[in-house]
Protein backbone atom coordinates (compact mmCIF):
# COMPACT_ATOMS: atom_id res chain seq x y z
CA MET A 1 -10.24 -83.58 -71.16
CA GLU A 2 -10.79 -86.99 -72.73
CA THR A 3 -9.15 -89.71 -70.60
CA LYS A 4 -6.92 -91.20 -73.29
CA LYS A 5 -5.54 -87.80 -74.22
CA ALA A 6 -5.09 -86.83 -70.56
CA THR A 7 -3.19 -89.98 -69.57
CA ALA A 8 -0.98 -89.57 -72.65
CA ALA A 9 -0.16 -86.04 -71.48
CA LEU A 10 0.45 -87.41 -67.97
CA ALA A 11 2.86 -90.03 -69.31
CA ALA A 12 4.71 -87.48 -71.44
CA MET A 13 5.11 -85.13 -68.47
CA SER A 14 6.22 -88.01 -66.23
CA ASN A 15 8.82 -89.16 -68.75
CA ARG A 16 10.16 -85.62 -69.18
CA TYR A 17 10.67 -84.98 -65.48
CA GLY A 18 11.66 -88.57 -64.77
CA GLY A 19 14.47 -88.33 -67.31
CA ASP A 20 15.86 -85.12 -65.84
CA PRO A 21 18.27 -85.77 -62.92
CA ALA A 22 17.73 -82.22 -61.69
CA TYR A 23 14.22 -83.35 -60.72
CA VAL A 24 14.30 -87.14 -60.29
CA LEU A 25 16.79 -89.74 -59.06
CA ALA A 26 16.21 -93.49 -58.77
CA GLY A 27 12.63 -93.23 -60.02
CA GLY A 28 11.55 -91.17 -57.01
CA GLY A 29 8.38 -89.10 -57.11
CA ASN A 30 4.93 -89.72 -58.51
CA THR A 31 2.37 -88.15 -60.81
CA SER A 32 -1.37 -88.34 -61.34
CA TYR A 33 -4.36 -87.20 -63.36
CA LYS A 34 -7.95 -87.20 -62.16
CA ASP A 35 -11.44 -86.65 -63.50
CA GLU A 36 -14.61 -86.62 -61.43
CA LYS A 37 -14.69 -90.40 -60.90
CA THR A 38 -11.20 -91.80 -61.42
CA LEU A 39 -7.64 -91.03 -60.33
CA TYR A 40 -4.80 -92.33 -62.53
CA ILE A 41 -1.58 -92.55 -60.51
CA LYS A 42 1.92 -93.94 -60.88
CA GLY A 43 2.40 -97.34 -59.29
CA SER A 44 4.81 -97.91 -56.43
CA GLY A 45 8.32 -98.64 -57.68
CA THR A 46 7.49 -97.67 -61.28
CA ALA A 47 9.97 -95.36 -63.01
CA LEU A 48 8.67 -91.97 -64.11
CA ALA A 49 11.22 -91.88 -66.93
CA THR A 50 9.71 -94.86 -68.73
CA ILE A 51 6.09 -95.17 -67.57
CA LYS A 52 3.48 -95.54 -70.33
CA ALA A 53 -0.05 -94.11 -70.36
CA GLU A 54 -1.64 -97.52 -69.83
CA GLU A 55 0.59 -98.27 -66.83
CA PHE A 56 -0.95 -95.78 -64.42
CA VAL A 57 -3.12 -97.33 -61.73
CA ALA A 58 -6.80 -96.40 -62.05
CA MET A 59 -8.39 -95.66 -58.67
CA ASP A 60 -12.08 -95.24 -57.76
CA ARG A 61 -12.24 -91.78 -56.18
CA SER A 62 -15.45 -92.53 -54.29
CA LYS A 63 -13.68 -95.42 -52.53
CA LEU A 64 -10.68 -93.21 -51.79
CA ALA A 65 -12.99 -90.61 -50.25
CA ALA A 66 -14.61 -93.33 -48.12
CA ILE A 67 -11.24 -94.06 -46.49
CA TRP A 68 -11.48 -90.72 -44.67
CA GLN A 69 -14.72 -91.85 -43.05
CA LYS A 70 -13.14 -94.93 -41.49
CA THR A 71 -11.48 -95.32 -38.10
CA TYR A 72 -8.18 -97.17 -38.23
CA PRO A 73 -6.18 -98.89 -35.47
CA GLU A 74 -3.81 -96.72 -33.47
CA ALA A 75 -1.04 -99.33 -33.65
CA GLU A 76 1.20 -98.39 -36.60
CA ALA A 77 1.58 -101.81 -38.20
CA ALA A 78 -2.13 -102.60 -37.97
CA ARG A 79 -3.11 -99.14 -39.21
CA GLU A 80 -0.80 -99.18 -42.23
CA ALA A 81 -1.88 -102.71 -43.17
CA ALA A 82 -5.56 -101.74 -42.99
CA VAL A 83 -5.06 -98.57 -45.04
CA LEU A 84 -3.05 -100.47 -47.65
CA ALA A 85 -5.83 -103.07 -47.91
CA ASP A 86 -8.42 -100.33 -48.46
CA MET A 87 -6.17 -98.63 -51.02
CA MET A 88 -5.85 -101.88 -52.94
CA ASP A 89 -9.63 -102.35 -52.77
CA ALA A 90 -10.08 -98.84 -54.19
CA ARG A 91 -8.48 -99.87 -57.48
CA VAL A 92 -10.79 -100.00 -60.48
CA PRO A 93 -11.61 -103.67 -61.29
CA GLY A 94 -8.95 -105.24 -63.49
CA GLN A 95 -6.07 -103.17 -62.05
CA THR A 96 -3.13 -105.28 -60.83
CA ARG A 97 -0.42 -102.74 -60.01
CA ARG A 98 0.10 -101.37 -56.53
CA PRO A 99 -0.75 -97.65 -56.31
CA SER A 100 1.65 -95.09 -54.92
CA VAL A 101 1.56 -94.77 -51.15
CA GLU A 102 0.79 -91.07 -51.70
CA THR A 103 -2.45 -91.78 -53.60
CA LEU A 104 -4.64 -90.26 -50.89
CA LEU A 105 -2.58 -87.07 -50.94
CA HIS A 106 -2.86 -86.79 -54.72
CA ASP A 107 -6.64 -87.17 -54.48
CA LEU A 108 -6.91 -84.25 -52.04
CA PHE A 109 -5.95 -81.68 -54.69
CA PRO A 110 -8.92 -80.36 -56.71
CA TYR A 111 -6.65 -79.88 -59.73
CA ARG A 112 -6.50 -82.36 -62.63
CA PHE A 113 -2.75 -82.96 -62.66
CA VAL A 114 -0.40 -83.46 -59.71
CA LEU A 115 3.41 -83.66 -59.87
CA HIS A 116 5.30 -84.80 -56.77
CA LEU A 117 9.10 -84.74 -56.95
CA HIS A 118 12.18 -84.80 -54.70
CA PRO A 119 14.55 -82.39 -56.51
CA THR A 120 17.95 -82.01 -54.88
CA LYS A 121 17.79 -78.21 -54.82
CA VAL A 122 14.29 -78.22 -53.36
CA ASN A 123 15.45 -80.62 -50.67
CA GLY A 124 18.37 -78.30 -50.01
CA VAL A 125 15.58 -76.14 -48.55
CA THR A 126 13.23 -78.75 -47.06
CA CYS A 127 16.21 -80.44 -45.33
CA ALA A 128 17.58 -77.18 -43.94
CA LYS A 129 17.23 -75.58 -40.52
CA ASP A 130 15.65 -72.48 -42.06
CA GLY A 131 13.59 -74.46 -44.56
CA GLU A 132 10.16 -73.36 -43.43
CA ALA A 133 11.19 -69.72 -43.11
CA THR A 134 12.74 -69.85 -46.59
CA VAL A 135 9.58 -71.29 -48.12
CA ARG A 136 7.44 -68.64 -46.45
CA ALA A 137 9.72 -65.89 -47.74
CA LEU A 138 10.15 -67.15 -51.30
CA PHE A 139 6.74 -68.74 -51.84
CA PRO A 140 4.14 -66.98 -49.65
CA ASP A 141 1.25 -68.73 -51.42
CA ALA A 142 2.68 -72.20 -50.81
CA VAL A 143 2.14 -74.55 -47.85
CA PHE A 144 4.97 -76.01 -45.77
CA VAL A 145 4.12 -79.26 -43.97
CA GLU A 146 6.32 -80.41 -41.10
CA ASN A 147 7.73 -83.92 -40.76
CA SER A 148 5.22 -86.70 -40.42
CA LYS A 149 5.20 -90.45 -40.75
CA PRO A 150 4.49 -91.10 -44.44
CA GLY A 151 1.46 -92.79 -45.90
CA TYR A 152 -1.89 -92.32 -44.20
CA MET A 153 -0.54 -90.12 -41.39
CA LEU A 154 1.10 -87.69 -43.81
CA ALA A 155 -2.03 -87.56 -45.97
CA ALA A 156 -4.17 -86.88 -42.89
CA LEU A 157 -1.84 -84.08 -41.75
CA CYS A 158 -1.84 -82.51 -45.22
CA ARG A 159 -5.63 -82.81 -45.40
CA GLY A 160 -5.89 -80.65 -42.30
CA ARG A 161 -3.26 -78.15 -43.45
CA LEU A 162 -4.87 -77.78 -46.88
CA ALA A 163 -8.35 -77.34 -45.38
CA ASP A 164 -7.00 -74.61 -43.08
CA TYR A 165 -5.37 -72.86 -46.04
CA GLN A 166 -8.56 -73.00 -48.09
CA LYS A 167 -10.65 -71.64 -45.22
CA ALA A 168 -8.23 -68.79 -44.58
CA ARG A 169 -7.59 -67.78 -48.19
CA GLY A 170 -10.67 -68.93 -50.07
CA LYS A 171 -8.66 -70.99 -52.52
CA PHE A 172 -6.67 -74.22 -52.68
CA PRO A 173 -2.83 -74.10 -52.83
CA ASP A 174 -1.01 -75.31 -55.91
CA THR A 175 2.39 -75.85 -54.25
CA VAL A 176 3.07 -77.84 -51.08
CA PHE A 177 6.53 -78.40 -49.59
CA LEU A 178 7.10 -81.40 -47.33
CA GLN A 179 9.87 -81.21 -44.74
CA ASN A 180 12.67 -83.71 -45.52
CA HIS A 181 10.71 -85.02 -48.47
CA GLY A 182 10.11 -82.84 -51.52
CA VAL A 183 7.38 -80.80 -53.17
CA PHE A 184 3.91 -81.19 -54.69
CA PHE A 185 2.75 -79.12 -57.65
CA ALA A 186 -0.89 -79.17 -58.79
CA ALA A 187 -2.63 -77.60 -61.78
CA ASP A 188 -5.27 -78.28 -64.39
CA THR A 189 -2.76 -78.58 -67.26
CA THR A 190 0.76 -79.93 -67.60
CA LYS A 191 1.89 -76.57 -68.99
CA GLU A 192 0.80 -74.88 -65.79
CA LEU A 193 2.74 -77.49 -63.81
CA ASP A 194 5.84 -76.70 -65.86
CA VAL A 195 5.51 -73.02 -64.96
CA LEU A 196 5.16 -73.83 -61.24
CA ALA A 197 8.14 -76.18 -61.22
CA ALA A 198 10.38 -73.79 -63.15
CA ARG A 199 9.43 -70.89 -60.87
CA VAL A 200 10.28 -72.83 -57.70
CA MET A 201 13.55 -74.22 -59.04
CA GLY A 202 14.61 -70.83 -60.35
CA ALA A 203 13.86 -68.99 -57.10
CA ILE A 204 15.75 -71.54 -55.02
CA ASP A 205 18.70 -71.65 -57.41
CA ALA A 206 19.04 -67.87 -57.19
CA ARG A 207 19.44 -68.13 -53.40
CA ILE A 208 22.03 -70.92 -53.40
CA GLY A 209 25.55 -69.87 -52.55
CA ALA A 210 27.95 -72.82 -52.35
CA ARG A 211 27.49 -75.63 -54.86
CA PRO A 212 28.81 -79.21 -54.89
CA ASP A 213 32.43 -79.49 -56.01
CA MET A 214 32.69 -82.56 -58.24
CA THR A 215 36.47 -82.25 -58.62
CA GLU A 216 38.11 -85.59 -57.86
CA VAL A 217 40.62 -85.50 -55.04
CA ALA A 218 43.99 -87.26 -55.43
CA VAL A 219 44.02 -90.31 -53.17
CA ASP A 220 45.98 -93.54 -52.77
CA VAL A 221 44.64 -95.35 -55.85
CA LYS A 222 46.07 -98.72 -54.86
CA LYS A 223 44.48 -98.46 -51.43
CA ALA A 224 41.18 -97.46 -52.99
CA GLU A 225 41.24 -100.46 -55.35
CA GLN A 226 42.06 -102.83 -52.51
CA THR A 227 39.30 -101.37 -50.36
CA ALA A 228 36.76 -101.60 -53.18
CA ALA A 229 37.59 -105.26 -53.71
CA ALA A 230 37.32 -105.98 -49.99
CA VAL A 231 34.02 -104.13 -49.68
CA GLY A 232 32.61 -105.98 -52.69
CA ALA A 233 33.59 -109.34 -51.22
CA LEU A 234 31.99 -108.50 -47.88
CA TYR A 235 28.78 -107.10 -49.37
CA GLY A 236 28.31 -109.81 -51.98
CA GLU A 237 26.70 -113.17 -51.45
CA GLY A 238 28.10 -116.01 -53.51
CA GLY A 239 30.47 -113.62 -55.27
CA PRO A 240 31.72 -110.03 -55.18
CA ALA A 241 29.14 -107.25 -55.31
CA ALA A 242 29.22 -104.24 -57.60
CA VAL A 243 31.01 -101.26 -56.01
CA ARG A 244 31.25 -97.65 -57.18
CA PHE A 245 34.03 -95.48 -55.76
CA CYS A 246 33.54 -91.75 -55.21
CA ARG A 247 36.27 -89.26 -54.22
CA THR A 248 34.92 -85.87 -55.19
CA ARG A 249 35.89 -82.90 -53.06
CA SER A 250 32.36 -82.38 -51.73
CA ALA A 251 31.89 -86.07 -51.02
CA LEU A 252 35.07 -86.21 -48.94
CA ALA A 253 34.01 -83.04 -47.07
CA HIS A 254 30.54 -84.48 -46.37
CA ASP A 255 29.73 -85.50 -42.81
CA PRO A 256 29.18 -89.25 -43.43
CA VAL A 257 27.04 -89.64 -40.33
CA VAL A 258 24.45 -87.30 -41.90
CA LEU A 259 23.03 -89.39 -44.71
CA ALA A 260 19.29 -89.81 -44.20
CA PHE A 261 17.91 -86.48 -45.31
CA THR A 262 14.85 -88.02 -47.03
CA PRO A 263 13.09 -91.39 -47.35
CA ASP A 264 14.93 -91.98 -50.64
CA HIS A 265 18.26 -92.01 -48.84
CA ILE A 266 17.05 -94.75 -46.53
CA VAL A 267 15.46 -96.75 -49.35
CA TYR A 268 18.53 -96.75 -51.59
CA CYS A 269 21.48 -96.11 -49.25
CA LYS A 270 20.11 -97.45 -45.94
CA ALA A 271 19.78 -95.32 -42.83
CA ALA A 272 23.50 -95.08 -42.11
CA PRO A 273 26.87 -95.78 -43.74
CA LEU A 274 29.78 -97.68 -42.27
CA VAL A 275 32.31 -94.97 -41.39
CA LEU A 276 36.02 -95.85 -41.13
CA ASN A 277 39.44 -94.29 -41.08
CA VAL A 278 42.24 -95.45 -43.36
CA GLY A 279 43.91 -98.42 -41.68
CA ASP A 280 40.86 -99.60 -39.73
CA ASP A 281 40.06 -103.32 -39.72
CA LEU A 282 37.40 -103.40 -42.46
CA PRO A 283 36.15 -107.00 -42.02
CA ARG A 284 35.81 -106.57 -38.29
CA ALA A 285 34.04 -103.20 -38.59
CA PHE A 286 31.76 -104.56 -41.34
CA ALA A 287 30.73 -107.53 -39.19
CA ALA A 288 30.12 -105.30 -36.17
CA PHE A 289 27.95 -102.97 -38.27
CA VAL A 290 25.81 -105.87 -39.52
CA ALA A 291 25.49 -107.29 -36.01
CA GLU A 292 24.36 -103.93 -34.64
CA ARG A 293 22.02 -102.81 -37.41
CA GLY A 294 20.83 -106.04 -39.00
CA TYR A 295 21.77 -105.09 -42.57
CA LYS A 296 24.90 -104.70 -44.66
CA PRO A 297 26.07 -101.12 -45.27
CA LYS A 298 25.33 -99.90 -48.77
CA VAL A 299 27.82 -97.06 -48.33
CA VAL A 300 31.25 -97.56 -46.78
CA PHE A 301 32.82 -94.17 -46.13
CA VAL A 302 36.56 -94.10 -45.48
CA ARG A 303 37.67 -90.70 -44.25
CA GLY A 304 40.43 -89.26 -46.43
CA LEU A 305 39.90 -91.93 -49.10
CA GLY A 306 36.32 -91.80 -50.38
CA ALA A 307 32.92 -93.49 -50.46
CA PHE A 308 32.34 -97.04 -51.67
CA CYS A 309 28.74 -97.51 -52.86
CA CYS A 310 27.48 -101.09 -53.07
CA GLY A 311 24.81 -103.04 -54.87
CA ALA A 312 23.92 -106.60 -55.79
CA SER A 313 24.04 -105.50 -59.45
CA ASP A 314 25.63 -102.73 -61.50
CA LYS A 315 22.26 -100.96 -61.64
CA GLU A 316 21.85 -101.09 -57.89
CA ALA A 317 25.40 -99.85 -57.24
CA ASP A 318 24.89 -96.98 -59.69
CA THR A 319 21.67 -96.06 -57.88
CA THR A 320 23.41 -96.17 -54.50
CA LEU A 321 26.10 -93.81 -55.81
CA SER A 322 23.64 -91.34 -57.36
CA VAL A 323 21.52 -91.19 -54.21
CA PHE A 324 24.61 -90.83 -51.99
CA LEU A 325 25.75 -87.90 -54.15
CA ASP A 326 22.24 -86.47 -53.82
CA ALA A 327 22.70 -86.48 -50.04
CA VAL A 328 26.08 -84.79 -50.44
CA ALA A 329 24.56 -82.09 -52.65
CA ILE A 330 21.64 -81.51 -50.28
CA GLY A 331 24.12 -80.94 -47.48
CA VAL A 332 25.97 -78.37 -49.58
CA TYR A 333 22.80 -76.55 -50.68
CA ALA A 334 21.38 -76.55 -47.15
CA ALA A 335 24.31 -74.41 -46.01
CA SER A 336 22.64 -71.52 -47.85
CA PHE A 337 19.47 -71.98 -45.79
CA GLY A 338 20.72 -72.21 -42.22
CA GLY A 339 22.54 -75.51 -42.39
CA ALA A 340 21.60 -79.15 -42.81
CA ALA A 341 18.72 -80.71 -40.85
CA PRO A 342 18.50 -84.47 -41.45
CA MET A 343 15.43 -86.53 -40.68
CA PRO A 344 14.63 -86.92 -36.97
CA ALA A 345 15.40 -90.30 -35.43
CA TRP A 346 11.74 -91.24 -34.89
CA LEU A 347 10.94 -90.73 -38.56
CA GLU A 348 14.07 -92.52 -39.73
CA ASP A 349 13.19 -95.50 -37.54
CA PHE A 350 9.65 -95.62 -38.92
CA ILE A 351 10.80 -95.65 -42.55
CA VAL A 352 13.50 -98.26 -41.86
CA HIS A 353 10.78 -100.65 -40.74
CA TRP A 354 8.05 -99.54 -43.16
CA GLU A 355 6.89 -102.29 -45.53
CA VAL A 356 5.89 -99.83 -48.26
CA GLU A 357 9.41 -98.50 -48.77
CA SER A 358 10.86 -102.01 -48.72
CA TYR A 359 8.44 -102.87 -51.51
CA ARG A 360 9.38 -99.76 -53.50
CA ALA A 361 13.09 -100.53 -53.24
CA LYS A 362 12.60 -104.13 -54.32
CA VAL A 363 10.46 -103.26 -57.33
CA SER A 364 12.59 -100.32 -58.49
CA GLN A 365 15.80 -102.39 -58.55
CA LYS A 366 14.43 -105.10 -60.81
CA GLY A 367 16.28 -105.37 -64.11
């Protein structure tokens, strides 16, 4: 397929999925197209819903392949910095955007097009106690990859899993589920990708029992308004922050301590919310939270009242709310697959301190 036509098809597919909240929230996910020499991949922090054909980052596949021949430091910070430097050096001359952290993983697939998404319903499975068993039962030809530190370590783990699959079955998989992360689809045409995605979403949807209840619960409106104002004043710097209030039935029933199901929840909602009861001393609790964790809570959850989702701008507050509700929905869907299984502490800690996700959050919230 001629490159210009292929990248146009890639952009159209990216925009279609990126504009569908059933598949994408907050710009999460990435897409790519490759020929024999070059991989064209979404840049870090770029929105799938609006990306243009000329905005994909062109990568030299021979330089990406050479990364696997190198030995990197064992220390995490040094290793990730070295891999990032080599990834940046693998860009085709003239490229200025930063490639997706999952570029190496995209390049592993022998198929032309790759679609990586974090759909809420899919993560209802990948963030569930019976997630792996469910994938094996519903999608016997797919691969399920257990939790791993993202970036180079995840790509290396997947490289081994995919090689094992190919050796055992004589073919390469077209669907890969990542625990607490999402799913990869790979095919030689975008139409084939559409078939894969629809099949997975349909099979999971058919197995879901309980669904999120978006009915708003009657609460003390005056108290909610006062709390929102107080939260905005505490979160803001030089003025009140934007705050979105949520009081749906499923949100109020959600266990607020269980928030970080996926990297997206850490990126956009932080690793944990501030959890209070009605009547608690908000300023004191807020200050104690910041002192303990080193950041301001993006979600303040008041039991029996609702969730207050914060941001430095309206866009950021809206994103915080949508990603919080994504966590709520994942918790509800996971009940159909053995119950919720949030990210393990070691992985949560890694992502909290990972420079790549800090960069993605900063870039995605511009505008």
